Amino acid sequence: DENIKKQYFKNLKELDIKNVNAVLLLQPAKSPPKNIYLDYVTTAIVRAVKDYVFGKSDLNTALRKESEVAKQNIEGVAAADK
């Protein structure tokens, strides 16, 4: 609805000089296609970041370790699918 779009950011004085209507004209990009291995990679990244945040490991080491774990999990699933 055009009336609703005109109300966006109306009360934010910082944006008075900005063309916020241009943002509303944009169409969001399509999401990348998912594959069956995405969950293994996402889980590995989350575990690596947790190890880094809690001081268990530096980030590069944590990412390297979890990369190997994800690779093994993906190879196991791929082998089971054959």
Protein backbone atom coordinates (compact mmCIF):
# COMPACT_ATOMS: atom_id res chain seq x y z
CA ASP A 1 0.00 0.00 0.00
CA GLU A 2 1.44 3.37 -1.00
CA ASN A 3 0.20 5.14 2.15
CA ILE A 4 2.10 2.70 4.33
CA LYS A 5 5.27 3.11 2.26
CA LYS A 6 5.09 6.88 2.66
CA GLN A 7 5.07 6.45 6.45
CA TYR A 8 8.36 4.52 6.53
CA PHE A 9 11.06 6.46 8.37
CA LYS A 10 8.82 9.54 8.56
CA ASN A 11 9.72 10.30 12.19
CA LEU A 12 13.47 9.92 11.74
CA LYS A 13 14.85 13.42 11.26
CA GLU A 14 18.27 12.01 10.32
CA LEU A 15 16.73 10.62 7.15
CA ASP A 16 14.92 13.79 6.06
CA ILE A 17 17.66 14.60 3.58
CA LYS A 18 17.88 11.03 2.27
CA ASN A 19 15.86 9.48 -0.53
CA VAL A 20 14.43 6.58 1.48
CA ASN A 21 11.79 5.95 -1.18
CA ALA A 22 14.54 4.58 -3.42
CA VAL A 23 15.04 1.74 -0.94
CA LEU A 24 11.40 0.80 -1.14
CA LEU A 25 11.59 0.44 -4.92
CA LEU A 26 14.28 -2.24 -4.74
CA GLN A 27 13.37 -5.89 -5.11
CA PRO A 28 15.20 -8.25 -2.76
CA ALA A 29 17.68 -10.65 -4.34
CA LYS A 30 16.71 -14.28 -4.61
CA SER A 31 18.16 -16.60 -2.01
CA PRO A 32 20.90 -18.90 -3.24
CA PRO A 33 19.79 -22.45 -3.89
CA LYS A 34 20.11 -24.72 -0.89
CA ASN A 35 21.81 -28.05 -1.04
CA ILE A 36 21.83 -31.02 1.28
CA TYR A 37 25.27 -30.13 2.66
CA LEU A 38 24.52 -26.58 3.78
CA ASP A 39 23.53 -27.64 7.31
CA TYR A 40 26.89 -29.35 7.85
CA VAL A 41 28.76 -26.20 6.86
CA THR A 42 26.54 -23.88 8.91
CA THR A 43 26.90 -26.08 11.98
CA ALA A 44 30.67 -26.14 11.58
CA ILE A 45 30.86 -22.37 11.32
CA VAL A 46 28.72 -21.90 14.42
CA ARG A 47 30.89 -24.32 16.42
CA ALA A 48 34.07 -22.57 15.24
CA VAL A 49 32.77 -19.15 16.24
CA LYS A 50 31.69 -20.48 19.66
CA ASP A 51 35.17 -21.90 20.25
CA TYR A 52 36.67 -18.55 19.31
CA VAL A 53 34.25 -16.47 21.40
CA PHE A 54 34.74 -18.61 24.50
CA GLY A 55 38.51 -18.49 24.11
CA LYS A 56 38.98 -22.19 23.39
CA SER A 57 40.82 -21.50 20.15
CA ASP A 58 41.90 -18.75 17.81
CA LEU A 59 39.55 -18.22 14.88
CA ASN A 60 41.75 -19.66 12.13
CA THR A 61 42.42 -22.85 14.08
CA ALA A 62 38.75 -23.26 14.97
CA LEU A 63 37.66 -22.74 11.37
CA ARG A 64 40.30 -25.15 10.08
CA LYS A 65 39.27 -27.82 12.59
CA GLU A 66 35.55 -27.45 11.91
CA SER A 67 36.19 -27.36 8.17
CA GLU A 68 37.70 -30.82 8.44
CA VAL A 69 34.75 -32.05 10.53
CA ALA A 70 32.27 -30.67 8.00
CA LYS A 71 34.24 -32.20 5.12
CA GLN A 72 34.20 -35.62 6.81
CA ASN A 73 30.46 -35.37 7.48
CA ILE A 74 29.73 -34.36 3.89
CA GLU A 75 31.94 -37.14 2.50
CA GLY A 76 30.14 -39.63 4.74
CA VAL A 77 26.73 -38.53 3.52
CA ALA A 78 27.88 -38.48 -0.11
CA ALA A 79 29.28 -42.01 0.25
CA ALA A 80 26.04 -43.24 1.82
CA ASP A 81 24.04 -41.78 -1.09
CA LYS A 82 26.00 -43.81 -3.66
